[in-house]
Amino acid sequence: MIGVAFPLKKGSEGYWETAKDSKLILNDISCLLYTIPGEIPMHPNLGNPLFQFLFEQNSDILAMLAEDLSEETIKRYEDRVEVMEIKAENRGNTLYVKYRLREKQSGKEIHGGVGYELYR
């Protein structure tokens, strides 16, 4: 499977850069976790509600909420993978969510993560 990579970058001959298989799944999950619910027309629930915590104090409780919300979002909208582990960690004003997944089709383990800047 081949698709457009995230974030969008210029590829060869003026086309968008592409990605394959596991990389494409990780790109899709990153887009999903960065999407704010209500942002996509006709899909009011699609996305991750972590945006609501912008300007909140970066604490252990926020990290636990991030883990739960991210796991729920991936399980609900991404049927190509099985969630093995999700871990959130605080670093200054940024909350990092790292995940370990298993592709259902190939059984291959893949790792990825996203970072949420809570305030500047």
PDB file of N, CA and C in Angstrom:
ATOM      1  N   MET A   1       0.847  -1.162   0.000  1.00  0.00           N
ATOM      2  CA  MET A   1       0.000   0.000   0.000  1.00  0.00           C
ATOM      3  C   MET A   1       0.902   1.236   0.000  1.00  0.00           C
ATOM      4  N   ILE A   2       0.550   2.213  -0.816  1.00  0.00           N
ATOM      5  CA  ILE A   2       1.306   3.455  -0.948  1.00  0.00           C
ATOM      6  C   ILE A   2       0.332   4.623  -0.813  1.00  0.00           C
ATOM      7  N   GLY A   3       0.773   5.685  -0.130  1.00  0.00           N
ATOM      8  CA  GLY A   3      -0.067   6.863   0.037  1.00  0.00           C
ATOM      9  C   GLY A   3       0.769   8.094   0.298  1.00  0.00           C
ATOM     10  N   VAL A   4       0.111   9.219   0.455  1.00  0.00           N
ATOM     11  CA  VAL A   4       0.784  10.493   0.701  1.00  0.00           C
ATOM     12  C   VAL A   4       1.305  10.515   2.136  1.00  0.00           C
ATOM     13  N   ALA A   5       2.557  10.941   2.318  1.00  0.00           N
ATOM     14  CA  ALA A   5       3.195  10.981   3.639  1.00  0.00           C
ATOM     15  C   ALA A   5       2.738  12.200   4.426  1.00  0.00           C
ATOM     16  N   PHE A   6       2.847  12.100   5.725  1.00  0.00           N
ATOM     17  CA  PHE A   6       2.527  13.204   6.632  1.00  0.00           C
ATOM     18  C   PHE A   6       3.779  13.548   7.415  1.00  0.00           C
ATOM     19  N   PRO A   7       4.131  14.774   7.614  1.00  0.00           N
ATOM     20  CA  PRO A   7       3.498  15.978   7.079  1.00  0.00           C
ATOM     21  C   PRO A   7       3.773  16.109   5.589  1.00  0.00           C
ATOM     22  N   LEU A   8       2.954  16.892   4.923  1.00  0.00           N
ATOM     23  CA  LEU A   8       3.083  17.052   3.479  1.00  0.00           C
ATOM     24  C   LEU A   8       4.421  17.691   3.130  1.00  0.00           C
ATOM     25  N   LYS A   9       5.146  17.032   2.239  1.00  0.00           N
ATOM     26  CA  LYS A   9       6.427  17.554   1.768  1.00  0.00           C
ATOM     27  C   LYS A   9       6.501  17.352   0.273  1.00  0.00           C
ATOM     28  N   LYS A  10       7.270  18.211  -0.368  1.00  0.00           N
ATOM     29  CA  LYS A  10       7.456  18.093  -1.802  1.00  0.00           C
ATOM     30  C   LYS A  10       8.322  16.868  -2.092  1.00  0.00           C
ATOM     31  N   GLY A  11       7.848  16.025  -2.970  1.00  0.00           N
ATOM     32  CA  GLY A  11       8.594  14.834  -3.372  1.00  0.00           C
ATOM     33  C   GLY A  11       9.259  15.055  -4.714  1.00  0.00           C
ATOM     34  N   SER A  12       9.475  13.986  -5.432  1.00  0.00           N
ATOM     35  CA  SER A  12      10.124  14.083  -6.741  1.00  0.00           C
ATOM     36  C   SER A  12       9.149  14.555  -7.806  1.00  0.00           C
ATOM     37  N   GLU A  13       9.649  15.268  -8.768  1.00  0.00           N
ATOM     38  CA  GLU A  13       8.890  15.755  -9.931  1.00  0.00           C
ATOM     39  C   GLU A  13       7.664  16.580  -9.545  1.00  0.00           C
ATOM     40  N   GLY A  14       7.719  17.273  -8.409  1.00  0.00           N
ATOM     41  CA  GLY A  14       6.629  18.168  -8.025  1.00  0.00           C
ATOM     42  C   GLY A  14       5.457  17.498  -7.342  1.00  0.00           C
ATOM     43  N   TYR A  15       5.497  16.193  -7.171  1.00  0.00           N
ATOM     44  CA  TYR A  15       4.416  15.478  -6.489  1.00  0.00           C
ATOM     45  C   TYR A  15       4.680  15.449  -4.994  1.00  0.00           C
ATOM     46  N   TRP A  16       3.653  15.091  -4.211  1.00  0.00           N
ATOM     47  CA  TRP A  16       3.826  14.938  -2.768  1.00  0.00           C
ATOM     48  C   TRP A  16       4.704  13.735  -2.481  1.00  0.00           C
ATOM     49  N   GLU A  17       5.444  13.812  -1.383  1.00  0.00           N
ATOM     50  CA  GLU A  17       6.241  12.678  -0.934  1.00  0.00           C
ATOM     51  C   GLU A  17       5.299  11.544  -0.533  1.00  0.00           C
ATOM     52  N   THR A  18       5.669  10.308  -0.851  1.00  0.00           N
ATOM     53  CA  THR A  18       4.815   9.167  -0.527  1.00  0.00           C
ATOM     54  C   THR A  18       5.453   8.300   0.551  1.00  0.00           C
ATOM     55  N   ALA A  19       4.634   7.446   1.153  1.00  0.00           N
ATOM     56  CA  ALA A  19       5.099   6.503   2.170  1.00  0.00           C
ATOM     57  C   ALA A  19       4.478   5.142   1.888  1.00  0.00           C
ATOM     58  N   LYS A  20       5.066   4.092   2.450  1.00  0.00           N
ATOM     59  CA  LYS A  20       4.566   2.735   2.225  1.00  0.00           C
ATOM     60  C   LYS A  20       4.258   2.047   3.546  1.00  0.00           C
ATOM     61  N   ASP A  21       3.292   1.162   3.525  1.00  0.00           N
ATOM     62  CA  ASP A  21       2.932   0.222   4.573  1.00  0.00           C
ATOM     63  C   ASP A  21       2.969   0.784   5.996  1.00  0.00           C
ATOM     64  N   SER A  22       3.913   0.333   6.829  1.00  0.00           N
ATOM     65  CA  SER A  22       3.948   0.720   8.246  1.00  0.00           C
ATOM     66  C   SER A  22       4.068   2.223   8.423  1.00  0.00           C
ATOM     67  N   LYS A  23       4.894   2.849   7.632  1.00  0.00           N
ATOM     68  CA  LYS A  23       5.085   4.296   7.708  1.00  0.00           C
ATOM     69  C   LYS A  23       3.770   5.018   7.404  1.00  0.00           C
ATOM     70  N   LEU A  24       3.028   4.504   6.449  1.00  0.00           N
ATOM     71  CA  LEU A  24       1.746   5.101   6.085  1.00  0.00           C
ATOM     72  C   LEU A  24       0.735   4.972   7.232  1.00  0.00           C
ATOM     73  N   ILE A  25       0.716   3.826   7.901  1.00  0.00           N
ATOM     74  CA  ILE A  25      -0.177   3.635   9.048  1.00  0.00           C
ATOM     75  C   ILE A  25       0.193   4.607  10.162  1.00  0.00           C
ATOM     76  N   LEU A  26       1.487   4.747  10.451  1.00  0.00           N
ATOM     77  CA  LEU A  26       1.923   5.692  11.486  1.00  0.00           C
ATOM     78  C   LEU A  26       1.565   7.129  11.110  1.00  0.00           C
ATOM     79  N   ASN A  27       1.679   7.477   9.831  1.00  0.00           N
ATOM     80  CA  ASN A  27       1.277   8.811   9.376  1.00  0.00           C
ATOM     81  C   ASN A  27      -0.216   9.034   9.597  1.00  0.00           C
ATOM     82  N   ASP A  28      -1.024   8.020   9.275  1.00  0.00           N
ATOM     83  CA  ASP A  28      -2.470   8.136   9.461  1.00  0.00           C
ATOM     84  C   ASP A  28      -2.826   8.318  10.939  1.00  0.00           C
ATOM     85  N   ILE A  29      -2.132   7.593  11.812  1.00  0.00           N
ATOM     86  CA  ILE A  29      -2.398   7.705  13.244  1.00  0.00           C
ATOM     87  C   ILE A  29      -1.974   9.081  13.759  1.00  0.00           C
ATOM     88  N   SER A  30      -0.846   9.589  13.271  1.00  0.00           N
ATOM     89  CA  SER A  30      -0.421  10.945  13.662  1.00  0.00           C
ATOM     90  C   SER A  30      -1.462  11.973  13.248  1.00  0.00           C
ATOM     91  N   CYS A  31      -1.945  11.877  12.020  1.00  0.00           N
ATOM     92  CA  CYS A  31      -2.993  12.802  11.556  1.00  0.00           C
ATOM     93  C   CYS A  31      -4.237  12.681  12.431  1.00  0.00           C
ATOM     94  N   LEU A  32      -4.618  11.462  12.764  1.00  0.00           N
ATOM     95  CA  LEU A  32      -5.798  11.225  13.599  1.00  0.00           C
ATOM     96  C   LEU A  32      -5.630  11.843  14.981  1.00  0.00           C
ATOM     97  N   LEU A  33      -4.459  11.663  15.588  1.00  0.00           N
ATOM     98  CA  LEU A  33      -4.240  12.179  16.935  1.00  0.00           C
ATOM     99  C   LEU A  33      -4.083  13.701  16.968  1.00  0.00           C
ATOM    100  N   TYR A  34      -3.693  14.306  15.857  1.00  0.00           N
ATOM    101  CA  TYR A  34      -3.579  15.760  15.792  1.00  0.00           C
ATOM    102  C   TYR A  34      -4.884  16.432  15.350  1.00  0.00           C
ATOM    103  N   THR A  35      -5.878  15.648  14.916  1.00  0.00           N
ATOM    104  CA  THR A  35      -7.154  16.203  14.471  1.00  0.00           C
ATOM    105  C   THR A  35      -8.018  16.559  15.678  1.00  0.00           C
ATOM    106  N   ILE A  36      -8.595  17.742  15.654  1.00  0.00           N
ATOM    107  CA  ILE A  36      -9.487  18.206  16.723  1.00  0.00           C
ATOM    108  C   ILE A  36     -10.900  17.746  16.378  1.00  0.00           C
ATOM    109  N   PRO A  37     -11.627  17.104  17.319  1.00  0.00           N
ATOM    110  CA  PRO A  37     -13.000  16.698  17.023  1.00  0.00           C
ATOM    111  C   PRO A  37     -13.834  17.887  16.540  1.00  0.00           C
ATOM    112  N   GLY A  38     -14.582  17.668  15.464  1.00  0.00           N
ATOM    113  CA  GLY A  38     -15.394  18.721  14.872  1.00  0.00           C
ATOM    114  C   GLY A  38     -14.682  19.455  13.744  1.00  0.00           C
ATOM    115  N   GLU A  39     -13.405  19.188  13.550  1.00  0.00           N
ATOM    116  CA  GLU A  39     -12.614  19.875  12.528  1.00  0.00           C
ATOM    117  C   GLU A  39     -12.937  19.374  11.118  1.00  0.00           C
ATOM    118  N   ILE A  40     -13.313  18.121  10.985  1.00  0.00           N
ATOM    119  CA  ILE A  40     -13.618  17.523   9.685  1.00  0.00           C
ATOM    120  C   ILE A  40     -15.126  17.602   9.453  1.00  0.00           C
ATOM    121  N   PRO A  41     -15.556  18.261   8.375  1.00  0.00           N
ATOM    122  CA  PRO A  41     -16.992  18.350   8.096  1.00  0.00           C
ATOM    123  C   PRO A  41     -17.628  16.965   7.966  1.00  0.00           C
ATOM    124  N   MET A  42     -18.821  16.809   8.489  1.00  0.00           N
ATOM    125  CA  MET A  42     -19.610  15.582   8.435  1.00  0.00           C
ATOM    126  C   MET A  42     -19.072  14.467   9.341  1.00  0.00           C
ATOM    127  N   HIS A  43     -18.002  14.720  10.084  1.00  0.00           N
ATOM    128  CA  HIS A  43     -17.437  13.747  11.030  1.00  0.00           C
ATOM    129  C   HIS A  43     -17.155  14.463  12.358  1.00  0.00           C
ATOM    130  N   PRO A  44     -18.188  14.810  13.107  1.00  0.00           N
ATOM    131  CA  PRO A  44     -17.998  15.637  14.295  1.00  0.00           C
ATOM    132  C   PRO A  44     -17.215  14.976  15.426  1.00  0.00           C
ATOM    133  N   ASN A  45     -17.141  13.658  15.458  1.00  0.00           N
ATOM    134  CA  ASN A  45     -16.445  12.971  16.548  1.00  0.00           C
ATOM    135  C   ASN A  45     -15.046  12.510  16.181  1.00  0.00           C
ATOM    136  N   LEU A  46     -14.686  12.596  14.904  1.00  0.00           N
ATOM    137  CA  LEU A  46     -13.379  12.118  14.454  1.00  0.00           C
ATOM    138  C   LEU A  46     -12.273  12.990  15.021  1.00  0.00           C
ATOM    139  N   GLY A  47     -11.304  12.371  15.662  1.00  0.00           N
ATOM    140  CA  GLY A  47     -10.168  13.104  16.200  1.00  0.00           C
ATOM    141  C   GLY A  47      -9.895  12.763  17.644  1.00  0.00           C
ATOM    142  N   ASN A  48      -8.951  13.481  18.215  1.00  0.00           N
ATOM    143  CA  ASN A  48      -8.508  13.244  19.583  1.00  0.00           C
ATOM    144  C   ASN A  48      -8.826  14.482  20.427  1.00  0.00           C
ATOM    145  N   PRO A  49      -9.565  14.326  21.524  1.00  0.00           N
ATOM    146  CA  PRO A  49      -9.965  15.478  22.326  1.00  0.00           C
ATOM    147  C   PRO A  49      -8.864  16.059  23.211  1.00  0.00           C
ATOM    148  N   LEU A  50      -7.607  15.689  23.014  1.00  0.00           N
ATOM    149  CA  LEU A  50      -6.522  16.243  23.827  1.00  0.00           C
ATOM    150  C   LEU A  50      -6.362  17.750  23.650  1.00  0.00           C
ATOM    151  N   PHE A  51      -6.874  18.307  22.570  1.00  0.00           N
ATOM    152  CA  PHE A  51      -6.798  19.741  22.336  1.00  0.00           C
ATOM    153  C   PHE A  51      -7.471  20.525  23.467  1.00  0.00           C
ATOM    154  N   GLN A  52      -8.443  19.903  24.130  1.00  0.00           N
ATOM    155  CA  GLN A  52      -9.148  20.566  25.232  1.00  0.00           C
ATOM    156  C   GLN A  52      -8.216  20.905  26.395  1.00  0.00           C
ATOM    157  N   PHE A  53      -7.083  20.228  26.476  1.00  0.00           N
ATOM    158  CA  PHE A  53      -6.170  20.420  27.593  1.00  0.00           C
ATOM    159  C   PHE A  53      -5.079  21.448  27.316  1.00  0.00           C
ATOM    160  N   LEU A  54      -5.229  22.197  26.236  1.00  0.00           N
ATOM    161  CA  LEU A  54      -4.290  23.271  25.942  1.00  0.00           C
ATOM    162  C   LEU A  54      -4.292  24.262  27.098  1.00  0.00           C
ATOM    163  N   PHE A  55      -3.128  24.689  27.537  1.00  0.00           N
ATOM    164  CA  PHE A  55      -2.911  25.611  28.646  1.00  0.00           C
ATOM    165  C   PHE A  55      -3.157  24.991  30.029  1.00  0.00           C
ATOM    166  N   GLU A  56      -3.346  23.673  30.102  1.00  0.00           N
ATOM    167  CA  GLU A  56      -3.435  23.006  31.400  1.00  0.00           C
ATOM    168  C   GLU A  56      -2.026  22.740  31.911  1.00  0.00           C
ATOM    169  N   GLN A  57      -1.891  22.558  33.206  1.00  0.00           N
ATOM    170  CA  GLN A  57      -0.585  22.235  33.759  1.00  0.00           C
ATOM    171  C   GLN A  57      -0.171  20.841  33.311  1.00  0.00           C
ATOM    172  N   ASN A  58       1.086  20.715  32.942  1.00  0.00           N
ATOM    173  CA  ASN A  58       1.607  19.445  32.460  1.00  0.00           C
ATOM    174  C   ASN A  58       1.937  18.565  33.671  1.00  0.00           C
ATOM    175  N   SER A  59       1.003  17.689  34.040  1.00  0.00           N
ATOM    176  CA  SER A  59       1.149  16.877  35.244  1.00  0.00           C
ATOM    177  C   SER A  59       1.016  15.399  34.910  1.00  0.00           C
ATOM    178  N   ASP A  60       1.208  14.566  35.923  1.00  0.00           N
ATOM    179  CA  ASP A  60       1.054  13.121  35.742  1.00  0.00           C
ATOM    180  C   ASP A  60      -0.393  12.751  35.426  1.00  0.00           C
ATOM    181  N   ILE A  61      -1.337  13.484  35.994  1.00  0.00           N
ATOM    182  CA  ILE A  61      -2.755  13.226  35.716  1.00  0.00           C
ATOM    183  C   ILE A  61      -3.062  13.515  34.250  1.00  0.00           C
ATOM    184  N   LEU A  62      -2.515  14.599  33.729  1.00  0.00           N
ATOM    185  CA  LEU A  62      -2.703  14.923  32.319  1.00  0.00           C
ATOM    186  C   LEU A  62      -2.086  13.835  31.434  1.00  0.00           C
ATOM    187  N   ALA A  63      -0.942  13.306  31.832  1.00  0.00           N
ATOM    188  CA  ALA A  63      -0.300  12.229  31.073  1.00  0.00           C
ATOM    189  C   ALA A  63      -1.177  10.979  31.057  1.00  0.00           C
ATOM    190  N   MET A  64      -1.790  10.652  32.180  1.00  0.00           N
ATOM    191  CA  MET A  64      -2.680   9.484  32.228  1.00  0.00           C
ATOM    192  C   MET A  64      -3.914   9.705  31.351  1.00  0.00           C
ATOM    193  N   LEU A  65      -4.470  10.909  31.374  1.00  0.00           N
ATOM    194  CA  LEU A  65      -5.608  11.227  30.502  1.00  0.00           C
ATOM    195  C   LEU A  65      -5.210  11.125  29.036  1.00  0.00           C
ATOM    196  N   ALA A  66      -4.019  11.603  28.706  1.00  0.00           N
ATOM    197  CA  ALA A  66      -3.524  11.542  27.321  1.00  0.00           C
ATOM    198  C   ALA A  66      -3.392  10.100  26.862  1.00  0.00           C
ATOM    199  N   GLU A  67      -2.885   9.234  27.724  1.00  0.00           N
ATOM    200  CA  GLU A  67      -2.761   7.814  27.382  1.00  0.00           C
ATOM    201  C   GLU A  67      -4.130   7.211  27.091  1.00  0.00           C
ATOM    202  N   ASP A  68      -5.093   7.462  27.982  1.00  0.00           N
ATOM    203  CA  ASP A  68      -6.433   6.902  27.822  1.00  0.00           C
ATOM    204  C   ASP A  68      -7.133   7.429  26.570  1.00  0.00           C
ATOM    205  N   LEU A  69      -7.078   8.743  26.364  1.00  0.00           N
ATOM    206  CA  LEU A  69      -7.751   9.331  25.202  1.00  0.00           C
ATOM    207  C   LEU A  69      -7.111   8.894  23.892  1.00  0.00           C
ATOM    208  N   SER A  70      -5.788   8.796  23.861  1.00  0.00           N
ATOM    209  CA  SER A  70      -5.098   8.366  22.644  1.00  0.00           C
ATOM    210  C   SER A  70      -5.412   6.909  22.329  1.00  0.00           C
ATOM    211  N   GLU A  71      -5.418   6.062  23.354  1.00  0.00           N
ATOM    212  CA  GLU A  71      -5.742   4.647  23.137  1.00  0.00           C
ATOM    213  C   GLU A  71      -7.167   4.485  22.626  1.00  0.00           C
ATOM    214  N   GLU A  72      -8.087   5.211  23.237  1.00  0.00           N
ATOM    215  CA  GLU A  72      -9.483   5.149  22.805  1.00  0.00           C
ATOM    216  C   GLU A  72      -9.639   5.603  21.355  1.00  0.00           C
ATOM    217  N   THR A  73      -8.955   6.680  20.986  1.00  0.00           N
ATOM    218  CA  THR A  73      -9.036   7.212  19.626  1.00  0.00           C
ATOM    219  C   THR A  73      -8.475   6.220  18.612  1.00  0.00           C
ATOM    220  N   ILE A  74      -7.318   5.638  18.910  1.00  0.00           N
ATOM    221  CA  ILE A  74      -6.713   4.679  17.974  1.00  0.00           C
ATOM    222  C   ILE A  74      -7.592   3.440  17.833  1.00  0.00           C
ATOM    223  N   LYS A  75      -8.084   2.918  18.933  1.00  0.00           N
ATOM    224  CA  LYS A  75      -8.929   1.718  18.873  1.00  0.00           C
ATOM    225  C   LYS A  75     -10.231   1.976  18.124  1.00  0.00           C
ATOM    226  N   ARG A  76     -10.765   3.180  18.264  1.00  0.00           N
ATOM    227  CA  ARG A  76     -12.042   3.494  17.628  1.00  0.00           C
ATOM    228  C   ARG A  76     -11.929   3.679  16.118  1.00  0.00           C
ATOM    229  N   TYR A  77     -10.858   4.337  15.666  1.00  0.00           N
ATOM    230  CA  TYR A  77     -10.797   4.743  14.259  1.00  0.00           C
ATOM    231  C   TYR A  77      -9.761   4.013  13.410  1.00  0.00           C
ATOM    232  N   GLU A  78      -8.851   3.288  14.012  1.00  0.00           N
ATOM    233  CA  GLU A  78      -7.801   2.633  13.221  1.00  0.00           C
ATOM    234  C   GLU A  78      -7.888   1.126  13.410  1.00  0.00           C
ATOM    235  N   ASP A  79      -8.503   0.451  12.426  1.00  0.00           N
ATOM    236  CA  ASP A  79      -8.712  -0.986  12.551  1.00  0.00           C
ATOM    237  C   ASP A  79      -7.579  -1.823  11.954  1.00  0.00           C
ATOM    238  N   ARG A  80      -6.533  -1.188  11.443  1.00  0.00           N
ATOM    239  CA  ARG A  80      -5.406  -1.938  10.872  1.00  0.00           C
ATOM    240  C   ARG A  80      -4.376  -2.341  11.910  1.00  0.00           C
ATOM    241  N   VAL A  81      -4.514  -1.818  13.135  1.00  0.00           N
ATOM    242  CA  VAL A  81      -3.523  -2.098  14.172  1.00  0.00           C
ATOM    243  C   VAL A  81      -4.192  -2.512  15.480  1.00  0.00           C
ATOM    244  N   GLU A  82      -3.396  -3.167  16.308  1.00  0.00           N
ATOM    245  CA  GLU A  82      -3.791  -3.541  17.655  1.00  0.00           C
ATOM    246  C   GLU A  82      -2.883  -2.765  18.612  1.00  0.00           C
ATOM    247  N   VAL A  83      -3.464  -2.092  19.580  1.00  0.00           N
ATOM    248  CA  VAL A  83      -2.687  -1.296  20.526  1.00  0.00           C
ATOM    249  C   VAL A  83      -2.032  -2.227  21.543  1.00  0.00           C
ATOM    250  N   MET A  84      -0.710  -2.140  21.662  1.00  0.00           N
ATOM    251  CA  MET A  84       0.014  -2.947  22.639  1.00  0.00           C
ATOM    252  C   MET A  84       0.345  -2.116  23.880  1.00  0.00           C
ATOM    253  N   GLU A  85       0.802  -0.870  23.655  1.00  0.00           N
ATOM    254  CA  GLU A  85       1.165  -0.018  24.783  1.00  0.00           C
ATOM    255  C   GLU A  85       1.127   1.445  24.353  1.00  0.00           C
ATOM    256  N   ILE A  86       0.640   2.289  25.243  1.00  0.00           N
ATOM    257  CA  ILE A  86       0.686   3.738  25.037  1.00  0.00           C
ATOM    258  C   ILE A  86       1.253   4.354  26.307  1.00  0.00           C
ATOM    259  N   LYS A  87       2.234   5.215  26.138  1.00  0.00           N
ATOM    260  CA  LYS A  87       2.894   5.847  27.278  1.00  0.00           C
ATOM    261  C   LYS A  87       3.015   7.335  26.999  1.00  0.00           C
ATOM    262  N   ALA A  88       2.583   8.160  27.941  1.00  0.00           N
ATOM    263  CA  ALA A  88       2.719   9.613  27.824  1.00  0.00           C
ATOM    264  C   ALA A  88       3.745  10.087  28.837  1.00  0.00           C
ATOM    265  N   GLU A  89       4.542  11.062  28.442  1.00  0.00           N
ATOM    266  CA  GLU A  89       5.534  11.617  29.364  1.00  0.00           C
ATOM    267  C   GLU A  89       5.593  13.127  29.225  1.00  0.00           C
ATOM    268  N   ASN A  90       5.883  13.781  30.330  1.00  0.00           N
ATOM    269  CA  ASN A  90       5.969  15.241  30.392  1.00  0.00           C
ATOM    270  C   ASN A  90       7.412  15.665  30.196  1.00  0.00           C
ATOM    271  N   ARG A  91       7.604  16.654  29.350  1.00  0.00           N
ATOM    272  CA  ARG A  91       8.918  17.276  29.183  1.00  0.00           C
ATOM    273  C   ARG A  91       8.703  18.770  29.041  1.00  0.00           C
ATOM    274  N   GLY A  92       8.866  19.475  30.156  1.00  0.00           N
ATOM    275  CA  GLY A  92       8.674  20.922  30.125  1.00  0.00           C
ATOM    276  C   GLY A  92       7.243  21.276  29.799  1.00  0.00           C
ATOM    277  N   ASN A  93       7.064  22.007  28.700  1.00  0.00           N
ATOM    278  CA  ASN A  93       5.720  22.404  28.302  1.00  0.00           C
ATOM    279  C   ASN A  93       5.134  21.499  27.215  1.00  0.00           C
ATOM    280  N   THR A  94       5.772  20.368  26.976  1.00  0.00           N
ATOM    281  CA  THR A  94       5.321  19.458  25.931  1.00  0.00           C
ATOM    282  C   THR A  94       4.942  18.110  26.521  1.00  0.00           C
ATOM    283  N   LEU A  95       3.844  17.573  26.036  1.00  0.00           N
ATOM    284  CA  LEU A  95       3.378  16.254  26.427  1.00  0.00           C
ATOM    285  C   LEU A  95       3.599  15.321  25.245  1.00  0.00           C
ATOM    286  N   TYR A  96       4.424  14.298  25.428  1.00  0.00           N
ATOM    287  CA  TYR A  96       4.713  13.336  24.364  1.00  0.00           C
ATOM    288  C   TYR A  96       3.920  12.062  24.607  1.00  0.00           C
ATOM    289  N   VAL A  97       3.250  11.583  23.557  1.00  0.00           N
ATOM    290  CA  VAL A  97       2.511  10.329  23.621  1.00  0.00           C
ATOM    291  C   VAL A  97       3.205   9.365  22.663  1.00  0.00           C
ATOM    292  N   LYS A  98       3.742   8.284  23.225  1.00  0.00           N
ATOM    293  CA  LYS A  98       4.423   7.260  22.422  1.00  0.00           C
ATOM    294  C   LYS A  98       3.562   6.009  22.429  1.00  0.00           C
ATOM    295  N   TYR A  99       3.529   5.318  21.299  1.00  0.00           N
ATOM    296  CA  TYR A  99       2.708   4.124  21.218  1.00  0.00           C
ATOM    297  C   TYR A  99       3.448   2.994  20.518  1.00  0.00           C
ATOM    298  N   ARG A 100       3.110   1.795  20.976  1.00  0.00           N
ATOM    299  CA  ARG A 100       3.637   0.557  20.394  1.00  0.00           C
ATOM    300  C   ARG A 100       2.426  -0.210  19.883  1.00  0.00           C
ATOM    301  N   LEU A 101       2.441  -0.535  18.611  1.00  0.00           N
ATOM    302  CA  LEU A 101       1.290  -1.146  17.955  1.00  0.00           C
ATOM    303  C   LEU A 101       1.721  -2.403  17.209  1.00  0.00           C
ATOM    304  N   ARG A 102       0.750  -3.239  16.870  1.00  0.00           N
ATOM    305  CA  ARG A 102       1.008  -4.416  16.042  1.00  0.00           C
ATOM    306  C   ARG A 102       0.059  -4.368  14.855  1.00  0.00           C
ATOM    307  N   GLU A 103       0.631  -4.475  13.657  1.00  0.00           N
ATOM    308  CA  GLU A 103      -0.194  -4.529  12.455  1.00  0.00           C
ATOM    309  C   GLU A 103      -0.981  -5.834  12.456  1.00  0.00           C
ATOM    310  N   LYS A 104      -2.268  -5.760  12.205  1.00  0.00           N
ATOM    311  CA  LYS A 104      -3.101  -6.961  12.210  1.00  0.00           C
ATOM    312  C   LYS A 104      -2.794  -7.860  11.020  1.00  0.00           C
ATOM    313  N   GLN A 105      -2.491  -7.267   9.871  1.00  0.00           N
ATOM    314  CA  GLN A 105      -2.289  -8.056   8.664  1.00  0.00           C
ATOM    315  C   GLN A 105      -0.956  -8.808   8.672  1.00  0.00           C
ATOM    316  N   SER A 106       0.114  -8.123   9.045  1.00  0.00           N
ATOM    317  CA  SER A 106       1.434  -8.751   8.975  1.00  0.00           C
ATOM    318  C   SER A 106       1.959  -9.219  10.330  1.00  0.00           C
ATOM    319  N   GLY A 107       1.390  -8.736  11.421  1.00  0.00           N
ATOM    320  CA  GLY A 107       1.879  -9.081  12.750  1.00  0.00           C
ATOM    321  C   GLY A 107       3.128  -8.317  13.154  1.00  0.00           C
ATOM    322  N   LYS A 108       3.553  -7.377  12.310  1.00  0.00           N
ATOM    323  CA  LYS A 108       4.759  -6.594  12.561  1.00  0.00           C
ATOM    324  C   LYS A 108       4.505  -5.553  13.651  1.00  0.00           C
ATOM    325  N   GLU A 109       5.478  -5.382  14.542  1.00  0.00           N
ATOM    326  CA  GLU A 109       5.372  -4.385  15.600  1.00  0.00           C
ATOM    327  C   GLU A 109       5.899  -3.049  15.090  1.00  0.00           C
ATOM    328  N   ILE A 110       5.137  -1.981  15.330  1.00  0.00           N
ATOM    329  CA  ILE A 110       5.551  -0.651  14.891  1.00  0.00           C
ATOM    330  C   ILE A 110       5.480   0.317  16.068  1.00  0.00           C
ATOM    331  N   HIS A 111       6.335   1.332  16.033  1.00  0.00           N
ATOM    332  CA  HIS A 111       6.421   2.322  17.106  1.00  0.00           C
ATOM    333  C   HIS A 111       6.245   3.718  16.519  1.00  0.00           C
ATOM    334  N   GLY A 112       5.590   4.584  17.269  1.00  0.00           N
ATOM    335  CA  GLY A 112       5.424   5.965  16.828  1.00  0.00           C
ATOM    336  C   GLY A 112       5.119   6.856  18.018  1.00  0.00           C
ATOM    337  N   GLY A 113       4.908   8.118  17.742  1.00  0.00           N
ATOM    338  CA  GLY A 113       4.592   9.058  18.796  1.00  0.00           C
ATOM    339  C   GLY A 113       4.252  10.431  18.262  1.00  0.00           C
ATOM    340  N   VAL A 114       3.594  11.200  19.110  1.00  0.00           N
ATOM    341  CA  VAL A 114       3.240  12.580  18.783  1.00  0.00           C
ATOM    342  C   VAL A 114       3.542  13.449  19.992  1.00  0.00           C
ATOM    343  N   GLY A 115       3.740  14.730  19.752  1.00  0.00           N
ATOM    344  CA  GLY A 115       4.002  15.671  20.829  1.00  0.00           C
ATOM    345  C   GLY A 115       2.984  16.794  20.805  1.00  0.00           C
ATOM    346  N   TYR A 116       2.484  17.146  21.977  1.00  0.00           N
ATOM    347  CA  TYR A 116       1.521  18.233  22.116  1.00  0.00           C
ATOM    348  C   TYR A 116       2.178  19.364  22.914  1.00  0.00           C
ATOM    349  N   GLU A 117       2.336  20.505  22.293  1.00  0.00           N
ATOM    350  CA  GLU A 117       2.873  21.667  23.013  1.00  0.00           C
ATOM    351  C   GLU A 117       1.691  22.318  23.722  1.00  0.00           C
ATOM    352  N   LEU A 118       1.746  22.361  25.036  1.00  0.00           N
ATOM    353  CA  LEU A 118       0.615  22.827  25.827  1.00  0.00           C
ATOM    354  C   LEU A 118       0.536  24.343  25.940  1.00  0.00           C
ATOM    355  N   TYR A 119       1.683  25.004  25.936  1.00  0.00           N
ATOM    356  CA  TYR A 119       1.725  26.458  25.992  1.00  0.00           C
ATOM    357  C   TYR A 119       3.105  26.907  25.551  1.00  0.00           C
ATOM    358  N   ARG A 120       3.225  28.180  25.217  1.00  0.00           N
ATOM    359  CA  ARG A 120       4.528  28.695  24.762  1.00  0.00           C
ATOM    360  C   ARG A 120       5.053  29.723  25.720  1.00  0.00           C
TER     361      ARG A 120
END
